PDB file of all heavy atoms in Angstrom:
ATOM      1  N   ALA A   1     176.362 161.720 258.825  1.00  0.00           N
ATOM      2  CA  ALA A   1     175.231 160.942 259.344  1.00  0.00           C
ATOM      3  C   ALA A   1     173.902 161.469 258.820  1.00  0.00           C
ATOM      4  O   ALA A   1     172.941 160.706 258.656  1.00  0.00           O
ATOM      5  CB  ALA A   1     175.253 160.970 260.867  1.00  0.00           C
ATOM      6  N   ALA A   2     173.838 162.785 258.547  1.00  0.00           N
ATOM      7  CA  ALA A   2     172.586 163.384 258.075  1.00  0.00           C
ATOM      8  C   ALA A   2     172.449 163.350 256.557  1.00  0.00           C
ATOM      9  O   ALA A   2     171.388 163.682 256.022  1.00  0.00           O
ATOM     10  CB  ALA A   2     172.508 164.835 258.556  1.00  0.00           C
ATOM     11  N   ALA A   3     173.501 162.927 255.862  1.00  0.00           N
ATOM     12  CA  ALA A   3     173.547 163.090 254.406  1.00  0.00           C
ATOM     13  C   ALA A   3     172.476 162.305 253.662  1.00  0.00           C
ATOM     14  O   ALA A   3     172.096 162.671 252.541  1.00  0.00           O
ATOM     15  CB  ALA A   3     174.929 162.697 253.887  1.00  0.00           C
ATOM     16  N   SER A   4     171.975 161.232 254.244  1.00  0.00           N
ATOM     17  CA  SER A   4     170.956 160.427 253.549  1.00  0.00           C
ATOM     18  C   SER A   4     169.548 161.000 253.696  1.00  0.00           C
ATOM     19  O   SER A   4     168.615 160.536 253.036  1.00  0.00           O
ATOM     20  CB  SER A   4     170.980 158.992 254.071  1.00  0.00           C
ATOM     21  OG  SER A   4     170.622 158.965 255.455  1.00  0.00           O
ATOM     22  N   TRP A   5     169.402 162.025 254.553  1.00  0.00           N
ATOM     23  CA  TRP A   5     168.063 162.551 254.823  1.00  0.00           C
ATOM     24  C   TRP A   5     167.751 163.691 253.852  1.00  0.00           C
ATOM     25  O   TRP A   5     167.783 164.858 254.181  1.00  0.00           O
ATOM     26  CB  TRP A   5     167.950 163.006 256.282  1.00  0.00           C
ATOM     27  CG  TRP A   5     167.931 161.844 257.222  1.00  0.00           C
ATOM     28  CD1 TRP A   5     168.949 161.393 257.997  1.00  0.00           C
ATOM     29  CD2 TRP A   5     166.833 160.960 257.439  1.00  0.00           C
ATOM     30  NE1 TRP A   5     168.566 160.283 258.700  1.00  0.00           N
ATOM     31  CE2 TRP A   5     167.261 159.984 258.376  1.00  0.00           C
ATOM     32  CE3 TRP A   5     165.530 160.879 256.937  1.00  0.00           C
ATOM     33  CZ2 TRP A   5     166.436 158.953 258.817  1.00  0.00           C
ATOM     34  CZ3 TRP A   5     164.712 159.848 257.378  1.00  0.00           C
ATOM     35  CH2 TRP A   5     165.159 158.897 258.303  1.00  0.00           C
ATOM     36  N   THR A   6     167.442 163.297 252.628  1.00  0.00           N
ATOM     37  CA  THR A   6     166.996 164.266 251.627  1.00  0.00           C
ATOM     38  C   THR A   6     165.587 164.737 251.980  1.00  0.00           C
ATOM     39  O   THR A   6     164.866 164.069 252.724  1.00  0.00           O
ATOM     40  CB  THR A   6     166.965 163.617 250.244  1.00  0.00           C
ATOM     41  OG1 THR A   6     165.980 162.563 250.253  1.00  0.00           O
ATOM     42  CG2 THR A   6     168.328 163.046 249.876  1.00  0.00           C
ATOM     43  N   PRO A   7     165.167 165.885 251.469  1.00  0.00           N
ATOM     44  CA  PRO A   7     163.805 166.347 251.756  1.00  0.00           C
ATOM     45  C   PRO A   7     162.736 165.316 251.405  1.00  0.00           C
ATOM     46  O   PRO A   7     161.763 165.143 252.155  1.00  0.00           O
ATOM     47  CB  PRO A   7     163.686 167.616 250.912  1.00  0.00           C
ATOM     48  CG  PRO A   7     165.087 168.146 250.846  1.00  0.00           C
ATOM     49  CD  PRO A   7     165.949 166.926 250.748  1.00  0.00           C
ATOM     50  N   GLN A   8     162.894 164.625 250.297  1.00  0.00           N
ATOM     51  CA  GLN A   8     161.889 163.627 249.917  1.00  0.00           C
ATOM     52  C   GLN A   8     161.861 162.472 250.908  1.00  0.00           C
ATOM     53  O   GLN A   8     160.783 161.991 251.298  1.00  0.00           O
ATOM     54  CB  GLN A   8     162.168 163.095 248.514  1.00  0.00           C
ATOM     55  CG  GLN A   8     161.103 162.103 248.018  1.00  0.00           C
ATOM     56  CD  GLN A   8     159.711 162.704 248.000  1.00  0.00           C
ATOM     57  OE1 GLN A   8     159.439 163.655 247.267  1.00  0.00           O
ATOM     58  NE2 GLN A   8     158.802 162.161 248.820  1.00  0.00           N
ATOM     59  N   ARG A   9     163.042 162.002 251.336  1.00  0.00           N
ATOM     60  CA  ARG A   9     163.063 160.916 252.318  1.00  0.00           C
ATOM     61  C   ARG A   9     162.465 161.367 253.648  1.00  0.00           C
ATOM     62  O   ARG A   9     161.741 160.619 254.298  1.00  0.00           O
ATOM     63  CB  ARG A   9     164.502 160.422 252.527  1.00  0.00           C
ATOM     64  CG  ARG A   9     164.546 159.199 253.434  1.00  0.00           C
ATOM     65  CD  ARG A   9     165.956 158.760 253.771  1.00  0.00           C
ATOM     66  NE  ARG A   9     165.915 157.625 254.682  1.00  0.00           N
ATOM     67  CZ  ARG A   9     166.913 157.285 255.505  1.00  0.00           C
ATOM     68  NH1 ARG A   9     168.040 157.999 255.501  1.00  0.00           N
ATOM     69  NH2 ARG A   9     166.793 156.261 256.315  1.00  0.00           N
ATOM     70  N   VAL A  10     162.781 162.612 254.047  1.00  0.00           N
ATOM     71  CA  VAL A  10     162.193 163.151 255.281  1.00  0.00           C
ATOM     72  C   VAL A  10     160.672 163.179 255.169  1.00  0.00           C
ATOM     73  O   VAL A  10     159.948 162.752 256.091  1.00  0.00           O
ATOM     74  CB  VAL A  10     162.738 164.567 255.567  1.00  0.00           C
ATOM     75  CG1 VAL A  10     161.938 165.233 256.688  1.00  0.00           C
ATOM     76  CG2 VAL A  10     164.209 164.511 255.934  1.00  0.00           C
ATOM     77  N   ALA A  11     160.163 163.671 254.047  1.00  0.00           N
ATOM     78  CA  ALA A  11     158.712 163.757 253.863  1.00  0.00           C
ATOM     79  C   ALA A  11     158.067 162.386 253.951  1.00  0.00           C
ATOM     80  O   ALA A  11     157.024 162.205 254.603  1.00  0.00           O
ATOM     81  CB  ALA A  11     158.400 164.424 252.527  1.00  0.00           C
ATOM     82  N   THR A  12     158.686 161.395 253.317  1.00  0.00           N
ATOM     83  CA  THR A  12     158.131 160.040 253.343  1.00  0.00           C
ATOM     84  C   THR A  12     158.182 159.459 254.751  1.00  0.00           C
ATOM     85  O   THR A  12     157.204 158.892 255.250  1.00  0.00           O
ATOM     86  CB  THR A  12     158.916 159.140 252.370  1.00  0.00           C
ATOM     87  OG1 THR A  12     158.833 159.687 251.049  1.00  0.00           O
ATOM     88  CG2 THR A  12     158.361 157.728 252.379  1.00  0.00           C
ATOM     89  N   PHE A  13     159.352 159.602 255.401  1.00  0.00           N
ATOM     90  CA  PHE A  13     159.532 159.025 256.737  1.00  0.00           C
ATOM     91  C   PHE A  13     158.620 159.690 257.764  1.00  0.00           C
ATOM     92  O   PHE A  13     158.039 159.028 258.632  1.00  0.00           O
ATOM     93  CB  PHE A  13     160.993 159.161 257.155  1.00  0.00           C
ATOM     94  CG  PHE A  13     161.328 158.482 258.452  1.00  0.00           C
ATOM     95  CD1 PHE A  13     161.577 157.124 258.494  1.00  0.00           C
ATOM     96  CD2 PHE A  13     161.408 159.203 259.640  1.00  0.00           C
ATOM     97  CE1 PHE A  13     161.884 156.488 259.691  1.00  0.00           C
ATOM     98  CE2 PHE A  13     161.715 158.590 260.843  1.00  0.00           C
ATOM     99  CZ  PHE A  13     161.960 157.219 260.863  1.00  0.00           C
ATOM    100  N   CYS A  14     158.495 161.008 257.681  1.00  0.00           N
ATOM    101  CA  CYS A  14     157.691 161.763 258.653  1.00  0.00           C
ATOM    102  C   CYS A  14     156.207 161.801 258.287  1.00  0.00           C
ATOM    103  O   CYS A  14     155.398 162.309 259.062  1.00  0.00           O
ATOM    104  CB  CYS A  14     158.213 163.194 258.763  1.00  0.00           C
ATOM    105  SG  CYS A  14     159.896 163.324 259.409  1.00  0.00           S
ATOM    106  N   GLN A  15     155.886 161.272 257.094  1.00  0.00           N
ATOM    107  CA  GLN A  15     154.506 161.282 256.602  1.00  0.00           C
ATOM    108  C   GLN A  15     153.963 162.711 256.523  1.00  0.00           C
ATOM    109  O   GLN A  15     152.879 163.031 257.012  1.00  0.00           O
ATOM    110  CB  GLN A  15     153.608 160.387 257.473  1.00  0.00           C
ATOM    111  CG  GLN A  15     154.017 158.926 257.435  1.00  0.00           C
ATOM    112  CD  GLN A  15     153.197 158.031 258.338  1.00  0.00           C
ATOM    113  OE1 GLN A  15     152.236 158.463 258.984  1.00  0.00           O
ATOM    114  NE2 GLN A  15     153.564 156.757 258.404  1.00  0.00           N
ATOM    115  N   LEU A  16     154.766 163.555 255.880  1.00  0.00           N
ATOM    116  CA  LEU A  16     154.416 164.956 255.675  1.00  0.00           C
ATOM    117  C   LEU A  16     154.445 165.271 254.180  1.00  0.00           C
ATOM    118  O   LEU A  16     155.217 164.678 253.430  1.00  0.00           O
ATOM    119  CB  LEU A  16     155.429 165.872 256.376  1.00  0.00           C
ATOM    120  CG  LEU A  16     155.405 165.933 257.898  1.00  0.00           C
ATOM    121  CD1 LEU A  16     156.639 166.691 258.402  1.00  0.00           C
ATOM    122  CD2 LEU A  16     154.132 166.607 258.404  1.00  0.00           C
ATOM    123  N   PRO A  17     153.636 166.228 253.744  1.00  0.00           N
ATOM    124  CA  PRO A  17     153.770 166.692 252.360  1.00  0.00           C
ATOM    125  C   PRO A  17     155.154 167.323 252.159  1.00  0.00           C
ATOM    126  O   PRO A  17     155.645 168.060 253.019  1.00  0.00           O
ATOM    127  CB  PRO A  17     152.661 167.745 252.226  1.00  0.00           C
ATOM    128  CG  PRO A  17     151.700 167.451 253.329  1.00  0.00           C
ATOM    129  CD  PRO A  17     152.519 166.883 254.446  1.00  0.00           C
ATOM    130  N   LEU A  18     155.760 167.022 251.015  1.00  0.00           N
ATOM    131  CA  LEU A  18     157.075 167.584 250.733  1.00  0.00           C
ATOM    132  C   LEU A  18     157.047 169.106 250.774  1.00  0.00           C
ATOM    133  O   LEU A  18     157.998 169.745 251.242  1.00  0.00           O
ATOM    134  CB  LEU A  18     157.557 167.114 249.348  1.00  0.00           C
ATOM    135  CG  LEU A  18     158.905 167.655 248.872  1.00  0.00           C
ATOM    136  CD1 LEU A  18     160.026 167.259 249.839  1.00  0.00           C
ATOM    137  CD2 LEU A  18     159.211 167.170 247.462  1.00  0.00           C
ATOM    138  N   ALA A  19     155.949 169.694 250.348  1.00  0.00           N
ATOM    139  CA  ALA A  19     155.846 171.159 250.349  1.00  0.00           C
ATOM    140  C   ALA A  19     155.942 171.719 251.765  1.00  0.00           C
ATOM    141  O   ALA A  19     156.523 172.798 251.973  1.00  0.00           O
ATOM    142  CB  ALA A  19     154.527 171.583 249.703  1.00  0.00           C
ATOM    143  N   GLN A  20     155.389 171.008 252.754  1.00  0.00           N
ATOM    144  CA  GLN A  20     155.486 171.483 254.141  1.00  0.00           C
ATOM    145  C   GLN A  20     156.922 171.373 254.653  1.00  0.00           C
ATOM    146  O   GLN A  20     157.410 172.274 255.350  1.00  0.00           O
ATOM    147  CB  GLN A  20     154.549 170.678 255.042  1.00  0.00           C
ATOM    148  CG  GLN A  20     153.085 171.059 254.927  1.00  0.00           C
ATOM    149  CD  GLN A  20     152.286 170.503 256.090  1.00  0.00           C
ATOM    150  OE1 GLN A  20     152.768 169.693 256.879  1.00  0.00           O
ATOM    151  NE2 GLN A  20     151.042 170.952 256.195  1.00  0.00           N
ATOM    152  N   VAL A  21     157.582 170.275 254.334  1.00  0.00           N
ATOM    153  CA  VAL A  21     158.981 170.114 254.754  1.00  0.00           C
ATOM    154  C   VAL A  21     159.828 171.241 254.181  1.00  0.00           C
ATOM    155  O   VAL A  21     160.619 171.886 254.892  1.00  0.00           O
ATOM    156  CB  VAL A  21     159.525 168.742 254.308  1.00  0.00           C
ATOM    157  CG1 VAL A  21     161.028 168.642 254.596  1.00  0.00           C
ATOM    158  CG2 VAL A  21     158.779 167.617 255.008  1.00  0.00           C
ATOM    159  N   MET A  22     159.640 171.518 252.890  1.00  0.00           N
ATOM    160  CA  MET A  22     160.436 172.569 252.262  1.00  0.00           C
ATOM    161  C   MET A  22     160.073 173.955 252.800  1.00  0.00           C
ATOM    162  O   MET A  22     160.945 174.833 252.908  1.00  0.00           O
ATOM    163  CB  MET A  22     160.244 172.529 250.752  1.00  0.00           C
ATOM    164  CG  MET A  22     160.841 171.286 250.101  1.00  0.00           C
ATOM    165  SD  MET A  22     162.574 170.987 250.577  1.00  0.00           S
ATOM    166  CE  MET A  22     163.341 172.548 250.126  1.00  0.00           C
ATOM    167  N   ALA A  23     158.802 174.173 253.143  1.00  0.00           N
ATOM    168  CA  ALA A  23     158.415 175.462 253.723  1.00  0.00           C
ATOM    169  C   ALA A  23     159.141 175.693 255.042  1.00  0.00           C
ATOM    170  O   ALA A  23     159.599 176.815 255.330  1.00  0.00           O
ATOM    171  CB  ALA A  23     156.902 175.506 253.927  1.00  0.00           C
ATOM    172  N   PHE A  24     159.264 174.637 255.855  1.00  0.00           N
ATOM    173  CA  PHE A  24     159.994 174.743 257.121  1.00  0.00           C
ATOM    174  C   PHE A  24     161.467 175.038 256.872  1.00  0.00           C
ATOM    175  O   PHE A  24     162.049 175.946 257.478  1.00  0.00           O
ATOM    176  CB  PHE A  24     159.823 173.441 257.906  1.00  0.00           C
ATOM    177  CG  PHE A  24     160.605 173.373 259.196  1.00  0.00           C
ATOM    178  CD1 PHE A  24     160.615 174.437 260.088  1.00  0.00           C
ATOM    179  CD2 PHE A  24     161.330 172.229 259.514  1.00  0.00           C
ATOM    180  CE1 PHE A  24     161.339 174.366 261.281  1.00  0.00           C
ATOM    181  CE2 PHE A  24     162.054 172.151 260.692  1.00  0.00           C
ATOM    182  CZ  PHE A  24     162.056 173.221 261.577  1.00  0.00           C
ATOM    183  N   TYR A  25     162.073 174.292 255.969  1.00  0.00           N
ATOM    184  CA  TYR A  25     163.500 174.482 255.714  1.00  0.00           C
ATOM    185  C   TYR A  25     163.786 175.878 255.154  1.00  0.00           C
ATOM    186  O   TYR A  25     164.804 176.501 255.488  1.00  0.00           O
ATOM    187  CB  TYR A  25     164.009 173.412 254.757  1.00  0.00           C
ATOM    188  CG  TYR A  25     164.016 172.004 255.333  1.00  0.00           C
ATOM    189  CD1 TYR A  25     164.311 170.905 254.533  1.00  0.00           C
ATOM    190  CD2 TYR A  25     163.740 171.772 256.684  1.00  0.00           C
ATOM    191  CE1 TYR A  25     164.333 169.619 255.053  1.00  0.00           C
ATOM    192  CE2 TYR A  25     163.746 170.488 257.212  1.00  0.00           C
ATOM    193  CZ  TYR A  25     164.037 169.416 256.389  1.00  0.00           C
ATOM    194  OH  TYR A  25     164.051 168.140 256.915  1.00  0.00           O
ATOM    195  N   ARG A  26     162.903 176.388 254.314  1.00  0.00           N
ATOM    196  CA  ARG A  26     163.126 177.729 253.750  1.00  0.00           C
ATOM    197  C   ARG A  26     162.944 178.811 254.807  1.00  0.00           C
ATOM    198  O   ARG A  26     163.626 179.849 254.759  1.00  0.00           O
ATOM    199  CB  ARG A  26     162.177 177.948 252.570  1.00  0.00           C
ATOM    200  CG  ARG A  26     162.555 177.101 251.352  1.00  0.00           C
ATOM    201  CD  ARG A  26     161.768 177.493 250.111  1.00  0.00           C
ATOM    202  NE  ARG A  26     162.149 176.651 248.985  1.00  0.00           N
ATOM    203  CZ  ARG A  26     161.387 175.669 248.483  1.00  0.00           C
ATOM    204  NH1 ARG A  26     160.186 175.431 249.001  1.00  0.00           N
ATOM    205  NH2 ARG A  26     161.811 174.951 247.465  1.00  0.00           N
ATOM    206  N   LEU A  27     162.034 178.577 255.770  1.00  0.00           N
ATOM    207  CA  LEU A  27     161.925 179.517 256.892  1.00  0.00           C
ATOM    208  C   LEU A  27     163.252 179.619 257.632  1.00  0.00           C
ATOM    209  O   LEU A  27     163.702 180.710 257.989  1.00  0.00           O
ATOM    210  CB  LEU A  27     160.824 179.071 257.859  1.00  0.00           C
ATOM    211  CG  LEU A  27     159.394 179.516 257.610  1.00  0.00           C
ATOM    212  CD1 LEU A  27     158.472 178.924 258.675  1.00  0.00           C
ATOM    213  CD2 LEU A  27     159.291 181.027 257.604  1.00  0.00           C
ATOM    214  N   LEU A  28     163.879 178.464 257.872  1.00  0.00           N
ATOM    215  CA  LEU A  28     165.172 178.462 258.557  1.00  0.00           C
ATOM    216  C   LEU A  28     166.225 179.186 257.720  1.00  0.00           C
ATOM    217  O   LEU A  28     167.041 179.953 258.255  1.00  0.00           O
ATOM    218  CB  LEU A  28     165.619 177.021 258.825  1.00  0.00           C
ATOM    219  CG  LEU A  28     164.731 176.166 259.729  1.00  0.00           C
ATOM    220  CD1 LEU A  28     165.292 174.759 259.854  1.00  0.00           C
ATOM    221  CD2 LEU A  28     164.574 176.796 261.105  1.00  0.00           C
ATOM    222  N   ALA A  29     166.196 178.948 256.424  1.00  0.00           N
ATOM    223  CA  ALA A  29     167.204 179.560 255.553  1.00  0.00           C
ATOM    224  C   ALA A  29     167.089 181.077 255.527  1.00  0.00           C
ATOM    225  O   ALA A  29     168.096 181.786 255.451  1.00  0.00           O
ATOM    226  CB  ALA A  29     167.059 179.006 254.133  1.00  0.00           C
ATOM    227  N   ASP A  30     165.870 181.591 255.614  1.00  0.00           N
ATOM    228  CA  ASP A  30     165.631 183.029 255.469  1.00  0.00           C
ATOM    229  C   ASP A  30     165.741 183.799 256.781  1.00  0.00           C
ATOM    230  O   ASP A  30     165.773 185.034 256.762  1.00  0.00           O
ATOM    231  CB  ASP A  30     164.236 183.269 254.873  1.00  0.00           C
ATOM    232  CG  ASP A  30     164.120 182.756 253.440  1.00  0.00           C
ATOM    233  OD1 ASP A  30     165.172 182.585 252.795  1.00  0.00           O
ATOM    234  OD2 ASP A  30     162.986 182.502 252.997  1.00  0.00           O
ATOM    235  N   ALA A  31     165.781 183.098 257.918  1.00  0.00           N
ATOM    236  CA  ALA A  31     165.705 183.767 259.218  1.00  0.00           C
ATOM    237  C   ALA A  31     167.088 183.993 259.812  1.00  0.00           C
ATOM    238  O   ALA A  31     167.972 183.126 259.738  1.00  0.00           O
ATOM    239  CB  ALA A  31     164.857 182.952 260.185  1.00  0.00           C
ATOM    240  N   GLU A  32     167.262 185.128 260.437  1.00  0.00           N
ATOM    241  CA  GLU A  32     168.516 185.441 261.115  1.00  0.00           C
ATOM    242  C   GLU A  32     168.656 184.654 262.409  1.00  0.00           C
ATOM    243  O   GLU A  32     169.756 184.243 262.795  1.00  0.00           O
ATOM    244  CB  GLU A  32     168.578 186.948 261.406  1.00  0.00           C
ATOM    245  CG  GLU A  32     169.887 187.423 262.011  1.00  0.00           C
ATOM    246  CD  GLU A  32     171.053 187.336 261.045  1.00  0.00           C
ATOM    247  OE1 GLU A  32     170.811 187.287 259.823  1.00  0.00           O
ATOM    248  OE2 GLU A  32     172.208 187.303 261.517  1.00  0.00           O
ATOM    249  N   ASN A  33     167.529 184.424 263.102  1.00  0.00           N
ATOM    250  CA  ASN A  33     167.561 183.730 264.387  1.00  0.00           C
ATOM    251  C   ASN A  33     166.456 182.690 264.448  1.00  0.00           C
ATOM    252  O   ASN A  33     165.350 182.915 263.956  1.00  0.00           O
ATOM    253  CB  ASN A  33     167.370 184.724 265.542  1.00  0.00           C
ATOM    254  CG  ASN A  33     168.540 185.662 265.700  1.00  0.00           C
ATOM    255  OD1 ASN A  33     169.655 185.214 265.961  1.00  0.00           O
ATOM    256  ND2 ASN A  33     168.321 186.958 265.520  1.00  0.00           N
ATOM    257  N   TRP A  34     166.777 181.549 265.077  1.00  0.00           N
ATOM    258  CA  TRP A  34     165.775 180.519 265.360  1.00  0.00           C
ATOM    259  C   TRP A  34     165.827 180.206 266.847  1.00  0.00           C
ATOM    260  O   TRP A  34     166.888 180.108 267.447  1.00  0.00           O
ATOM    261  CB  TRP A  34     166.031 179.195 264.647  1.00  0.00           C
ATOM    262  CG  TRP A  34     166.634 179.228 263.285  1.00  0.00           C
ATOM    263  CD1 TRP A  34     166.311 180.057 262.246  1.00  0.00           C
ATOM    264  CD2 TRP A  34     167.681 178.357 262.803  1.00  0.00           C
ATOM    265  NE1 TRP A  34     167.085 179.754 261.150  1.00  0.00           N
ATOM    266  CE2 TRP A  34     167.926 178.716 261.450  1.00  0.00           C
ATOM    267  CE3 TRP A  34     168.396 177.301 263.362  1.00  0.00           C
ATOM    268  CZ2 TRP A  34     168.874 178.074 260.673  1.00  0.00           C
ATOM    269  CZ3 TRP A  34     169.342 176.653 262.584  1.00  0.00           C
ATOM    270  CH2 TRP A  34     169.578 177.028 261.262  1.00  0.00           C
ATOM    271  N   LEU A  35     164.653 179.958 267.425  1.00  0.00           N
ATOM    272  CA  LEU A  35     164.545 179.522 268.819  1.00  0.00           C
ATOM    273  C   LEU A  35     163.680 178.271 268.841  1.00  0.00           C
ATOM    274  O   LEU A  35     162.500 178.327 268.482  1.00  0.00           O
ATOM    275  CB  LEU A  35     163.911 180.620 269.684  1.00  0.00           C
ATOM    276  CG  LEU A  35     163.822 180.343 271.185  1.00  0.00           C
ATOM    277  CD1 LEU A  35     165.207 180.312 271.818  1.00  0.00           C
ATOM    278  CD2 LEU A  35     162.949 181.388 271.879  1.00  0.00           C
ATOM    279  N   THR A  36     164.264 177.136 269.218  1.00  0.00           N
ATOM    280  CA  THR A  36     163.523 175.881 269.276  1.00  0.00           C
ATOM    281  C   THR A  36     163.159 175.589 270.728  1.00  0.00           C
ATOM    282  O   THR A  36     164.041 175.378 271.564  1.00  0.00           O
ATOM    283  CB  THR A  36     164.341 174.716 268.691  1.00  0.00           C
ATOM    284  OG1 THR A  36     164.757 175.054 267.367  1.00  0.00           O
ATOM    285  CG2 THR A  36     163.490 173.459 268.634  1.00  0.00           C
ATOM    286  N   LEU A  37     161.863 175.596 271.007  1.00  0.00           N
ATOM    287  CA  LEU A  37     161.348 175.328 272.347  1.00  0.00           C
ATOM    288  C   LEU A  37     160.810 173.899 272.348  1.00  0.00           C
ATOM    289  O   LEU A  37     159.776 173.611 271.747  1.00  0.00           O
ATOM    290  CB  LEU A  37     160.239 176.322 272.689  1.00  0.00           C
ATOM    291  CG  LEU A  37     160.668 177.800 272.652  1.00  0.00           C
ATOM    292  CD1 LEU A  37     159.550 178.672 272.105  1.00  0.00           C
ATOM    293  CD2 LEU A  37     161.083 178.278 274.027  1.00  0.00           C
ATOM    294  N   TYR A  38     161.537 172.988 272.992  1.00  0.00           N
ATOM    295  CA  TYR A  38     161.128 171.581 272.959  1.00  0.00           C
ATOM    296  C   TYR A  38     160.870 171.069 274.370  1.00  0.00           C
ATOM    297  O   TYR A  38     161.492 171.497 275.339  1.00  0.00           O
ATOM    298  CB  TYR A  38     162.159 170.724 272.227  1.00  0.00           C
ATOM    299  CG  TYR A  38     163.582 170.775 272.728  1.00  0.00           C
ATOM    300  CD1 TYR A  38     164.099 169.776 273.543  1.00  0.00           C
ATOM    301  CD2 TYR A  38     164.435 171.823 272.351  1.00  0.00           C
ATOM    302  CE1 TYR A  38     165.423 169.799 273.969  1.00  0.00           C
ATOM    303  CE2 TYR A  38     165.751 171.857 272.772  1.00  0.00           C
ATOM    304  CZ  TYR A  38     166.244 170.848 273.582  1.00  0.00           C
ATOM    305  OH  TYR A  38     167.540 170.879 274.006  1.00  0.00           O
ATOM    306  N   SER A  39     159.922 170.134 274.463  1.00  0.00           N
ATOM    307  CA  SER A  39     159.489 169.702 275.788  1.00  0.00           C
ATOM    308  C   SER A  39     159.244 168.204 275.796  1.00  0.00           C
ATOM    309  O   SER A  39     159.935 167.445 275.135  1.00  0.00           O
ATOM    310  CB  SER A  39     158.253 170.506 276.208  1.00  0.00           C
ATOM    311  OG  SER A  39     157.999 170.362 277.588  1.00  0.00           O
ATOM    312  N   MET A  40     158.205 167.758 276.518  1.00  0.00           N
ATOM    313  CA  MET A  40     158.058 166.334 276.816  1.00  0.00           C
ATOM    314  C   MET A  40     157.838 165.465 275.585  1.00  0.00           C
ATOM    315  O   MET A  40     158.178 164.282 275.577  1.00  0.00           O
ATOM    316  CB  MET A  40     156.907 166.124 277.805  1.00  0.00           C
ATOM    317  CG  MET A  40     157.126 166.780 279.149  1.00  0.00           C
ATOM    318  SD  MET A  40     158.694 166.321 279.915  1.00  0.00           S
ATOM    319  CE  MET A  40     159.507 167.903 279.944  1.00  0.00           C
ATOM    320  N   GLY A  41     157.271 166.015 274.518  1.00  0.00           N
ATOM    321  CA  GLY A  41     157.106 165.225 273.306  1.00  0.00           C
ATOM    322  C   GLY A  41     158.435 164.791 272.713  1.00  0.00           C
ATOM    323  O   GLY A  41     158.517 163.799 271.985  1.00  0.00           O
TER     324      GLY A  41
END
């Protein structure tokens, strides 16, 4: 289900610079632990 969401498509859909999308993904790749704190948004 996620296979069509390439970084470029994500950047276009989310209206973000591709460089920012890739910076986020590389942070995840390099980190041992992630904590996602999500709320009403």
